Protein backbone atom coordinates (compact mmCIF):
# COMPACT_ATOMS: atom_id res chain seq x y z
CA MET A 1 190.18 26.49 161.25
CA LEU A 2 192.71 23.94 162.65
CA ILE A 3 194.40 23.58 159.27
CA GLY A 4 195.92 27.03 160.11
CA LYS A 5 195.39 28.65 156.55
CA LYS A 6 194.55 32.04 156.43
CA PHE A 7 194.42 32.25 160.03
CA PRO A 8 193.23 36.10 160.52
CA GLU A 9 190.41 35.67 157.88
CA ASN A 10 188.99 32.39 159.42
CA VAL A 11 189.07 33.87 162.99
CA ARG A 12 187.11 36.93 161.72
CA VAL A 13 184.32 35.19 159.97
CA LEU A 14 183.86 32.49 162.96
CA ARG A 15 183.78 35.09 165.26
CA MET A 16 180.95 37.06 163.46
CA LEU A 17 179.13 33.72 162.81
CA VAL A 18 178.89 32.91 166.31
CA GLU A 19 178.03 36.30 167.28
CA GLU A 20 174.84 36.03 164.79
CA LEU A 21 173.98 32.69 166.25
CA LEU A 22 174.02 33.96 169.62
CA GLU A 23 172.09 37.09 168.97
CA PRO A 24 168.72 35.52 169.52
CA VAL A 25 170.11 34.17 172.77
CA PHE A 26 170.99 37.57 174.23
CA GLU A 27 167.69 39.14 172.99
CA LYS A 28 165.79 36.55 175.03
CA HIS A 29 168.01 36.51 178.17
CA GLU A 30 169.85 39.40 180.01
CA LEU A 31 173.17 37.97 180.55
CA GLU A 32 176.04 39.47 182.28
CA ARG A 33 178.39 36.48 183.01
CA MET A 34 179.76 34.06 180.86
CA ASP A 35 178.78 31.19 183.09
CA ASP A 36 175.19 32.05 182.47
CA LEU A 37 175.58 32.08 178.60
CA MET A 38 177.41 28.47 178.91
CA LYS A 39 174.48 26.98 181.27
CA ILE A 40 172.09 28.22 178.45
CA LEU A 41 174.05 26.49 175.78
CA GLU A 42 174.58 23.53 177.59
CA ASP A 43 171.03 23.03 178.53
CA ALA A 44 169.85 23.44 174.96
CA ALA A 45 172.54 21.03 173.74
CA SER A 46 171.27 18.45 176.45
CA LYS A 47 168.06 18.42 174.45
CA ASN A 48 168.76 17.88 170.73
CA ARG A 49 171.71 16.32 168.75
CA THR A 50 171.87 19.00 166.24
CA THR A 51 172.10 21.83 168.82
CA LYS A 52 174.87 19.77 170.70
CA LEU A 53 176.74 19.55 167.36
CA TRP A 54 176.63 23.22 166.86
CA VAL A 55 177.62 24.14 170.68
CA ASP A 56 180.30 21.55 171.06
CA CYS A 57 181.98 21.80 167.33
CA LEU A 58 181.50 25.47 166.75
CA ILE A 59 180.51 27.96 169.36
CA LYS A 60 182.62 26.48 172.19
CA PRO A 61 185.67 26.03 169.93
CA VAL A 62 185.18 29.62 168.96
CA PHE A 63 185.38 30.71 172.36
CA THR A 64 188.41 28.77 172.94
CA ILE A 65 189.95 30.35 169.83
CA MET A 66 189.42 33.89 171.00
CA GLN A 67 190.45 32.90 174.67
CA TYR A 68 193.91 31.38 173.09
CA ILE A 69 194.37 34.60 171.14
CA ARG A 70 193.70 36.87 174.27
CA ALA A 71 196.24 34.79 176.23
CA GLU A 72 199.12 35.65 173.70
CA ARG A 73 198.04 39.31 172.98
CA GLU A 74 197.87 39.95 176.82
CA ALA A 75 200.99 37.66 177.60
CA ASP A 76 198.76 35.97 180.13
CA TRP A 77 200.59 32.61 181.07
CA PRO A 78 197.72 31.17 183.35
CA LEU A 79 194.98 31.73 180.72
CA HIS A 80 197.44 30.07 177.89
CA LEU A 81 197.60 27.04 180.22
CA ALA A 82 194.17 26.67 180.70
CA THR A 83 193.11 27.17 176.97
CA VAL A 84 195.65 24.71 175.69
CA LYS A 85 193.87 22.24 177.78
CA GLU A 86 190.73 23.09 176.57
CA MET A 87 191.78 22.68 173.10
CA MET A 88 193.62 19.37 173.22
CA PRO A 89 190.54 17.00 172.57
CA LEU A 90 189.54 19.03 169.87
CA PHE A 91 192.56 17.93 167.77
CA TYR A 92 191.88 14.57 168.51
CA THR A 93 188.17 15.09 167.23
CA ALA A 94 189.63 16.78 164.10
CA ALA A 95 191.97 14.15 163.23
CA HIS A 96 194.95 16.62 163.40
CA PHE A 97 197.10 14.01 165.02
CA ASN A 98 200.56 15.88 164.79
CA TYR A 99 198.98 18.72 167.07
CA ALA A 100 197.30 15.85 168.75
CA ARG A 101 200.51 13.91 169.79
CA TYR A 102 203.16 16.55 170.25
CA GLY A 103 200.46 19.16 171.79
CA LEU A 104 199.80 17.01 174.51
CA TYR A 105 203.51 16.50 174.93
CA TYR A 106 203.84 20.08 175.06
CA LEU A 107 201.25 20.53 177.65
CA ARG A 108 202.53 18.00 180.16
CA ALA A 109 206.22 19.53 179.59
CA ILE A 110 204.84 23.00 180.47
CA GLU A 111 203.05 21.77 183.70
CA GLU A 112 206.45 20.31 185.00
CA MET A 113 208.69 23.21 183.82
CA PRO A 114 211.31 24.65 186.43
CA GLU A 115 210.06 27.10 188.85
CA GLU A 116 212.63 29.65 187.61
CA VAL A 117 211.33 29.50 184.02
CA ARG A 118 207.79 29.71 185.16
CA GLU A 119 208.52 32.78 187.15
CA HIS A 120 209.54 34.56 183.80
CA PHE A 121 206.41 33.11 182.03
CA MET A 122 204.20 34.54 184.65
CA LYS A 123 205.69 37.99 183.89
CA GLY A 124 204.66 37.50 180.34
CA GLN A 125 208.12 36.77 178.64
CA HIS A 126 206.71 33.92 176.54
CA THR A 127 205.36 36.38 173.99
CA MET A 128 207.19 38.68 171.63
CA HIS A 129 206.35 42.40 170.70
CA HIS A 130 207.23 44.40 167.60
CA ARG A 131 206.23 47.66 169.58
CA SER A 132 205.10 48.70 172.93
CA GLY A 133 201.35 48.92 173.84
CA LEU A 134 198.50 47.01 174.58
CA PHE A 135 197.12 43.86 173.27
CA ASN A 136 199.81 43.34 170.82
CA GLY A 137 201.71 40.37 172.00
CA ILE A 138 202.40 37.59 169.40
CA TRP A 139 203.60 33.81 169.46
CA SER A 140 207.40 33.09 169.27
CA ASP A 141 206.86 31.31 165.94
CA MET A 142 204.84 34.34 164.55
CA ALA A 143 207.70 36.65 165.51
CA ILE A 144 210.19 34.45 163.24
CA GLU A 145 207.59 34.58 160.62
CA THR A 146 207.36 38.14 160.48
CA THR A 147 210.88 39.05 160.79
CA PHE A 148 213.62 36.40 159.56
CA MET A 149 211.13 34.67 157.05
CA ARG A 150 209.81 37.95 156.00
CA TYR A 151 213.10 39.72 155.12
CA GLY A 152 214.45 36.34 154.00
CA HIS A 153 211.96 36.36 151.08
CA GLY A 154 212.29 40.16 150.47
CA GLN A 155 214.62 42.10 148.63
CA ASN A 156 218.62 41.41 149.77
CA GLY A 157 217.04 38.22 151.39
CA ILE A 158 218.04 34.82 151.07
CA ILE A 159 216.69 34.00 147.58
CA GLY A 160 219.49 32.48 145.54
CA ILE A 161 221.79 31.74 148.60
CA THR A 162 219.73 28.80 150.28
CA LEU A 163 222.31 26.32 148.98
CA ARG A 164 225.11 28.24 150.20
CA PRO A 165 225.51 27.22 153.98
CA GLU A 166 228.31 29.66 154.86
CA THR A 167 226.53 32.59 152.85
CA LEU A 168 223.26 31.88 154.49
CA LYS A 169 224.87 31.59 158.10
CA THR A 170 226.42 34.80 157.49
CA TRP A 171 223.21 36.38 156.67
CA ALA A 172 221.21 34.96 159.60
CA TYR A 173 223.89 35.96 162.29
CA SER A 174 224.46 39.58 161.06
CA MET A 175 220.64 40.28 160.60
CA GLN A 176 220.45 41.63 164.30
CA ALA A 177 223.52 43.46 164.19
CA CYS A 178 222.49 45.18 160.94
CA ASN A 179 219.02 46.34 162.18
CA LYS A 180 220.88 47.82 165.23
CA VAL A 181 223.27 49.65 163.14
CA VAL A 182 220.34 51.04 160.90
CA GLU A 183 218.40 52.21 163.94
CA ASN A 184 221.52 54.09 165.33
CA LEU A 185 222.02 55.72 161.98
CA ASP A 186 218.38 56.85 162.22
CA SER A 187 218.68 58.15 165.61
CA MET A 188 222.06 60.29 164.57
CA ARG A 189 220.27 61.46 161.34
CA ASP A 190 217.41 62.83 163.37
CA HIS A 191 219.58 64.01 166.23
CA GLU A 192 217.37 62.21 168.80
CA GLN A 193 216.49 58.65 169.73
CA GLN A 194 213.38 57.72 167.63
CA LYS A 195 211.11 55.62 169.39
CA CYS A 196 207.84 53.91 167.91
CA PRO A 197 204.72 55.16 169.37
CA SER A 198 202.99 52.68 171.90
CA GLN A 199 200.03 51.15 170.44
CA THR A 200 196.78 51.95 172.22
CA HIS A 201 194.02 51.11 169.76
CA HIS A 202 193.38 47.89 167.90
CA LYS A 203 192.70 47.79 164.08
CA GLU A 204 189.35 46.14 164.94
CA GLU A 205 188.33 49.45 166.74
CA MET A 206 188.81 51.35 163.65
CA LYS A 207 185.98 52.99 161.63
CA ALA A 208 186.65 51.41 158.29
CA ARG A 209 186.78 48.06 160.06
CA MET A 210 183.72 48.39 161.87
CA LYS A 211 181.87 49.21 158.87
CA SER A 212 183.12 46.36 156.94
CA ASP A 213 182.27 44.20 159.84
CA GLY A 214 178.77 45.42 159.80
CA GLU A 215 178.28 44.61 156.16
CA ASP A 216 179.54 41.06 156.55
CA ARG A 217 177.43 40.55 159.59
CA LYS A 218 174.24 41.78 157.70
CA HIS A 219 175.22 39.30 154.84
CA LEU A 220 175.65 36.52 157.44
CA ARG A 221 172.35 37.39 159.25
CA GLU A 222 170.39 37.25 155.81
CA LYS A 223 171.85 33.96 154.96
CA LEU A 224 171.18 32.64 158.46
CA GLU A 225 167.35 33.54 157.95
CA LEU A 226 167.24 31.28 155.06
CA CYS A 227 168.45 28.27 157.26
CA ILE A 228 167.07 26.47 160.20
CA ASP A 229 167.99 28.00 163.52
CA PRO A 230 170.42 25.28 164.90
CA LEU A 231 169.90 26.58 168.49
CA ASN A 232 166.27 26.11 168.21
CA ASN A 233 165.39 22.78 169.46
CA ASP A 234 161.57 23.00 168.68
CA GLN A 235 162.78 23.05 164.68
CA HIS A 236 164.78 19.87 164.88
CA PRO A 237 164.15 16.24 164.57
CA GLU A 238 165.56 13.39 166.33
CA GLY A 239 168.53 12.78 164.01
CA LEU A 240 171.26 15.34 162.97
CA LEU A 241 169.81 18.20 160.50
CA ASN A 242 171.63 19.87 157.80
CA ILE A 243 170.38 23.46 158.56
CA VAL A 244 170.62 24.64 154.85
CA THR A 245 169.29 21.56 153.06
CA GLY A 246 167.05 20.20 155.74
CA LYS A 247 168.38 16.68 155.32
CA VAL A 248 168.04 14.53 158.42
CA VAL A 249 170.85 11.98 159.00
CA ASP A 250 170.11 9.47 161.73
CA HIS A 251 172.39 6.49 160.76
CA PRO A 252 173.94 4.97 163.96
CA SER A 253 177.69 5.42 162.64
CA VAL A 254 177.32 8.87 162.61
CA ASN A 255 178.75 10.40 165.76
CA VAL A 256 180.00 13.61 165.27
CA ASP A 257 177.63 15.02 167.80
CA LYS A 258 179.53 13.27 170.25
CA ALA A 259 182.97 14.41 168.94
CA VAL A 260 184.29 16.36 171.99
CA GLU A 261 183.48 13.40 174.19
CA LEU A 262 185.20 10.73 171.78
CA GLY A 263 188.16 13.10 171.53
CA THR A 264 188.69 13.38 175.20
CA LYS A 265 188.42 9.57 175.75
CA GLN A 266 190.85 8.94 172.99
CA MET A 267 193.48 11.48 174.51
CA GLU A 268 193.02 9.76 177.69
CA THR A 269 193.77 6.31 176.27
CA PHE A 270 196.54 7.66 174.21
CA GLU A 271 198.39 9.37 177.10
CA ALA A 272 197.73 6.16 179.00
CA GLY A 273 200.00 4.08 177.08
CA TRP A 274 203.05 6.35 177.16
CA PRO A 275 205.88 6.06 176.29
CA ALA A 276 205.42 2.89 174.42
CA SER A 277 202.42 4.29 172.46
CA PHE A 278 203.72 7.70 171.83
CA HIS A 279 204.66 6.95 168.27
CA ALA A 280 201.83 4.30 167.61
CA PRO A 281 199.11 5.25 164.91
CA ILE A 282 196.10 7.25 166.27
CA GLN A 283 193.00 6.15 164.42
CA LYS A 284 189.95 8.64 163.39
CA CYS A 285 187.30 8.23 166.24
CA VAL A 286 184.58 10.70 164.50
CA THR A 287 182.07 9.86 161.69
CA MET A 288 180.82 13.03 160.28
CA MET A 289 177.30 13.49 158.61
CA ALA A 290 178.85 13.21 154.91
CA ALA A 291 180.72 9.96 155.71
CA PHE A 292 177.69 7.49 156.08
CA ARG A 293 176.96 4.93 153.69
CA LYS A 294 175.98 6.01 150.20
CA HIS A 295 173.15 3.71 149.81
CA ILE A 296 170.30 2.03 151.76
CA LYS A 297 169.03 -1.19 150.99
CA VAL A 298 165.10 -1.88 150.42
CA GLY A 299 164.14 -5.33 149.83
CA ASP A 300 166.47 -6.49 147.12
CA MET A 301 167.03 -2.95 145.75
CA LYS A 302 169.76 -0.50 146.65
CA LEU A 303 168.56 3.11 146.67
CA PHE A 304 171.28 5.54 145.82
CA ASP A 305 171.44 9.37 146.79
CA THR A 306 170.79 10.80 143.37
CA GLU A 307 171.84 14.40 144.40
CA MET A 308 175.22 12.90 145.15
CA ILE A 309 175.77 11.05 142.16
CA TYR A 310 174.68 14.44 140.11
CA ALA A 311 177.27 16.55 142.25
CA ARG A 312 180.07 14.11 141.36
CA ALA A 313 179.10 13.77 137.82
CA MET A 314 179.27 17.81 137.70
CA ALA A 315 182.67 17.95 139.46
CA LEU A 316 184.18 15.42 136.94
CA GLN A 317 182.93 17.11 134.11
CA SER A 318 184.62 20.23 135.33
CA SER A 319 187.84 18.83 136.25
CA HIS A 320 190.89 18.44 134.11
CA ARG A 321 190.70 14.45 133.68
CA LYS A 322 188.76 14.78 130.18
CA PHE A 323 189.15 17.62 127.74
CA ASP A 324 189.15 17.83 123.81
CA THR A 325 192.56 18.01 122.65
CA ASN A 326 191.87 19.65 119.43
CA ASN A 327 189.99 22.29 121.02
CA LEU A 328 192.91 22.96 123.39
CA MET A 329 195.60 23.35 120.63
CA SER A 330 193.47 25.75 118.82
CA HIS A 331 193.38 28.44 121.60
CA GLU A 332 195.47 31.58 120.70
CA LEU A 333 198.74 32.07 122.78
CA SER A 334 199.30 35.34 124.70
CA PRO A 335 201.94 37.66 123.62
CA LYS A 336 204.19 36.52 126.23
CA PRO A 337 204.15 33.49 128.44
CA THR A 338 203.21 34.91 131.91
CA SER A 339 204.82 32.33 133.72
CA MET A 340 208.22 32.85 132.15
CA PHE A 341 208.28 36.96 131.92
CA ASP A 342 207.18 39.48 134.28
CA ASP A 343 204.92 42.44 133.27
CA SER A 344 207.79 44.58 131.92
CA GLY A 345 208.60 41.88 129.59
CA HIS A 346 211.74 40.89 131.33
CA MET A 347 212.22 37.06 131.65
CA LYS A 348 212.17 35.70 135.01
CA GLU A 349 215.40 34.25 136.44
CA ALA A 350 215.44 31.00 138.23
CA LYS A 351 218.38 31.92 140.55
CA THR A 352 217.96 28.64 142.56
CA LYS A 353 217.90 26.38 140.00
CA SER A 354 221.05 28.00 138.36
CA THR A 355 222.95 27.56 141.67
CA LEU A 356 222.05 23.95 141.74
CA LYS A 357 223.40 23.48 138.09
CA ASN A 358 226.57 25.12 138.77
CA ALA A 359 227.03 22.92 141.88
CA LEU A 360 226.50 19.80 139.83
CA LYS A 361 228.28 20.74 136.55
CA VAL A 362 231.67 19.40 135.56
CA GLU A 363 234.28 20.22 132.93
CA VAL A 364 235.02 17.52 130.40
CA SER A 365 237.48 17.52 127.16
CA SER A 366 236.04 18.41 123.90
CA ARG A 367 238.49 16.17 122.04
CA HIS A 368 236.46 12.89 122.42
CA ALA A 369 233.06 14.25 122.82
CA ASP A 370 231.22 11.34 121.45
CA VAL A 371 227.81 11.79 123.08
CA THR A 372 225.59 8.71 123.37
CA ALA A 373 222.68 9.94 125.29
CA SER A 374 221.35 13.59 125.95
CA PHE A 375 219.08 13.97 129.28
CA LEU A 376 217.26 17.29 128.80
CA ASP A 377 214.92 18.95 131.40
CA GLY A 378 211.81 19.45 129.56
CA CYS A 379 210.84 22.59 131.97
CA ALA A 380 214.10 24.19 130.91
CA VAL A 381 213.64 23.33 127.28
CA MET A 382 210.38 25.53 127.16
CA TRP A 383 212.47 28.51 128.17
CA VAL A 384 215.05 28.09 125.24
CA VAL A 385 212.54 27.26 122.40
CA SER A 386 211.49 30.34 120.50
CA TRP A 387 207.97 31.79 121.38
CA PRO A 388 205.73 31.94 118.28
CA THR A 389 205.21 35.49 117.20
CA GLY A 390 202.39 37.03 115.20
CA GLY A 391 199.41 35.46 117.11
CA GLY A 392 200.54 31.91 117.14
CA THR A 393 198.71 28.96 118.60
CA VAL A 394 199.73 26.42 121.46
CA GLN A 395 200.19 23.96 118.41
CA ASP A 396 202.95 26.44 116.79
CA PHE A 397 204.72 26.38 120.13
CA LEU A 398 204.49 22.62 120.30
CA ASN A 399 205.88 22.36 116.74
CA ASN A 400 208.84 24.53 117.86
CA PHE A 401 209.44 22.20 120.60
CA HIS A 402 209.39 19.12 118.64
CA ARG A 403 212.08 20.81 116.26
CA HIS A 404 214.37 21.39 119.20
CA ILE A 405 214.05 17.87 120.27
CA GLN A 406 214.76 16.57 116.79
CA VAL A 407 218.18 18.56 116.57
CA HIS A 408 219.54 16.48 119.49
CA LEU A 409 218.28 13.36 118.05
CA GLN A 410 220.68 13.67 115.33
CA THR A 411 223.44 13.12 117.27
CA SER A 412 222.26 11.04 120.35
CA ASP A 413 219.42 9.49 122.17
CA VAL A 414 217.33 11.84 123.74
CA TYR A 415 215.72 11.57 127.41
CA LEU A 416 213.16 14.24 128.01
CA ILE A 417 212.41 14.60 131.83
CA PHE A 418 209.87 16.71 133.40
CA ASP A 419 209.35 17.60 136.94
CA ARG A 420 206.68 15.22 138.44
CA PHE A 421 204.23 16.40 141.24
CA VAL A 422 202.59 13.46 143.05
CA TYR A 423 199.44 14.25 144.78
CA THR A 424 196.32 12.28 145.95
CA ILE A 425 192.77 13.07 145.78
């Protein structure tokens, strides 16, 4: 969740998961206040490590997420400030050190902001709105993503002009004025000022979404019924329990159930060394259940987790590290390479690369064109090599590629260069 990928989908599934986990609690107790629920959860967490892990590292963080979203949707500055304070230790716990480092600086900065700025924020002017209505405030960076970034990657956007600073500057500075002109033209056309209707209902309240949520909750409930209840202390041993497999981890190095306390302590230590320690490395302070040692020693023998070995062997077998070359080359090619042509058969244009080539090219005299070496872009060559027709294979395309290179070898040395993508596992 803290990585930030697919934010709406993650929030939705985490919210529904917590709701299903807490359903037995609400059935057992008559709760009307949030404080009463928190007392019950804290009491259960104090009795068992597994329950503490689920309460501190899932249920409470999801409450914090929902509270943070509410603060922005309703433009509630005091709630925003209180929620940021709650979430800061979680960044240290989850080892998201950029958020941990600069998030804490942001928190201390807004606590000491000038009073005249605070007055504006108290009026809700720290959020943006695309339209008037209820519960529709968004973050300032989200406003940028949904306006400049959205239109920039669309039709008549910045694709193809990113290497032209003056053109890009003109597009960015004129966007607001152009939108105002379009708005005024629409008003003139309709002979009245067009106003976007206020939003009074959230999409979560629509029948289709409620039906979809009901089906997803049913699937979650069916899955949880097959697992051990993480909030039922009577079903838990002394160590940390995997509610799906039933595996118990009781190694002293595993401290994930104390994650929030460790994150809070690390945050306090980090801040105490400011400003000298601001750019100092921050070490991981939490060891999770999957990170404990892979074997135990019994006498003179080492006993390994065979299930882990089998799972890794399956992953290696299905990875791209090993494959049969002959089998790969025998596969039939598609009528058109989808990475180079669209569905209509037209070749995709690499506008940005063309702009870069035009910026780098120079004119030379053809009188003394003694070429000693040729540097070819391997990816670009793939665009000019003839694509085999009549149901060719990968090997046929490879042969055409070789013949293209051999033509250049007749006049000079050839250096074939491909893009390199560096990644770590």
